[in-house]
């Protein structure tokens, strides 16, 4: 999977996971 430059930078800081999880949760509509 190819990620944009900003996503790659965030991934190095571990923020990509937090951001991705938050967006996925919103997109899927709360599947806790």
C-alpha atoms as a PDB file:
ATOM      1  CA  UNK A   1       0.000   0.000   0.000  1.00  0.00           C
ATOM      2  CA  UNK A   2       1.334   3.419  -0.954  1.00  0.00           C
ATOM      3  CA  UNK A   3       0.761   6.172   1.584  1.00  0.00           C
ATOM      4  CA  UNK A   4       1.112   9.921   0.978  1.00  0.00           C
ATOM      5  CA  UNK A   5       4.206  11.666   2.329  1.00  0.00           C
ATOM      6  CA  UNK A   6       2.366  13.198   5.271  1.00  0.00           C
ATOM      7  CA  UNK A   7       0.913   9.819   6.202  1.00  0.00           C
ATOM      8  CA  UNK A   8       4.371   8.276   6.127  1.00  0.00           C
ATOM      9  CA  UNK A   9       5.704  10.963   8.456  1.00  0.00           C
ATOM     10  CA  UNK A  10       2.833  10.402  10.857  1.00  0.00           C
ATOM     11  CA  UNK A  11       3.433   6.649  10.721  1.00  0.00           C
ATOM     12  CA  UNK A  12       6.989   7.191  11.969  1.00  0.00           C
ATOM     13  CA  UNK A  13       5.593   9.007  14.992  1.00  0.00           C
ATOM     14  CA  UNK A  14       2.921   6.359  15.523  1.00  0.00           C
ATOM     15  CA  UNK A  15       0.194   8.925  14.878  1.00  0.00           C
ATOM     16  CA  UNK A  16      -0.964   7.199  11.705  1.00  0.00           C
ATOM     17  CA  UNK A  17      -2.372   4.333  13.763  1.00  0.00           C
ATOM     18  CA  UNK A  18      -4.307   6.620  16.108  1.00  0.00           C
ATOM     19  CA  UNK A  19      -5.560   8.760  13.218  1.00  0.00           C
ATOM     20  CA  UNK A  20      -6.397   5.745  11.072  1.00  0.00           C
ATOM     21  CA  UNK A  21      -8.273   4.003  13.875  1.00  0.00           C
ATOM     22  CA  UNK A  22     -10.264   7.138  14.628  1.00  0.00           C
ATOM     23  CA  UNK A  23     -11.219   7.611  10.983  1.00  0.00           C
ATOM     24  CA  UNK A  24     -12.056   3.926  10.522  1.00  0.00           C
ATOM     25  CA  UNK A  25     -14.273   3.961  13.602  1.00  0.00           C
ATOM     26  CA  UNK A  26     -16.112   7.003  12.262  1.00  0.00           C
ATOM     27  CA  UNK A  27     -16.434   5.594   8.762  1.00  0.00           C
ATOM     28  CA  UNK A  28     -17.713   2.226   9.953  1.00  0.00           C
ATOM     29  CA  UNK A  29     -20.072   3.919  12.388  1.00  0.00           C
ATOM     30  CA  UNK A  30     -18.887   2.875  15.834  1.00  0.00           C
ATOM     31  CA  UNK A  31     -17.979  -0.795  15.954  1.00  0.00           C
ATOM     32  CA  UNK A  32     -16.420  -0.981  19.414  1.00  0.00           C
END
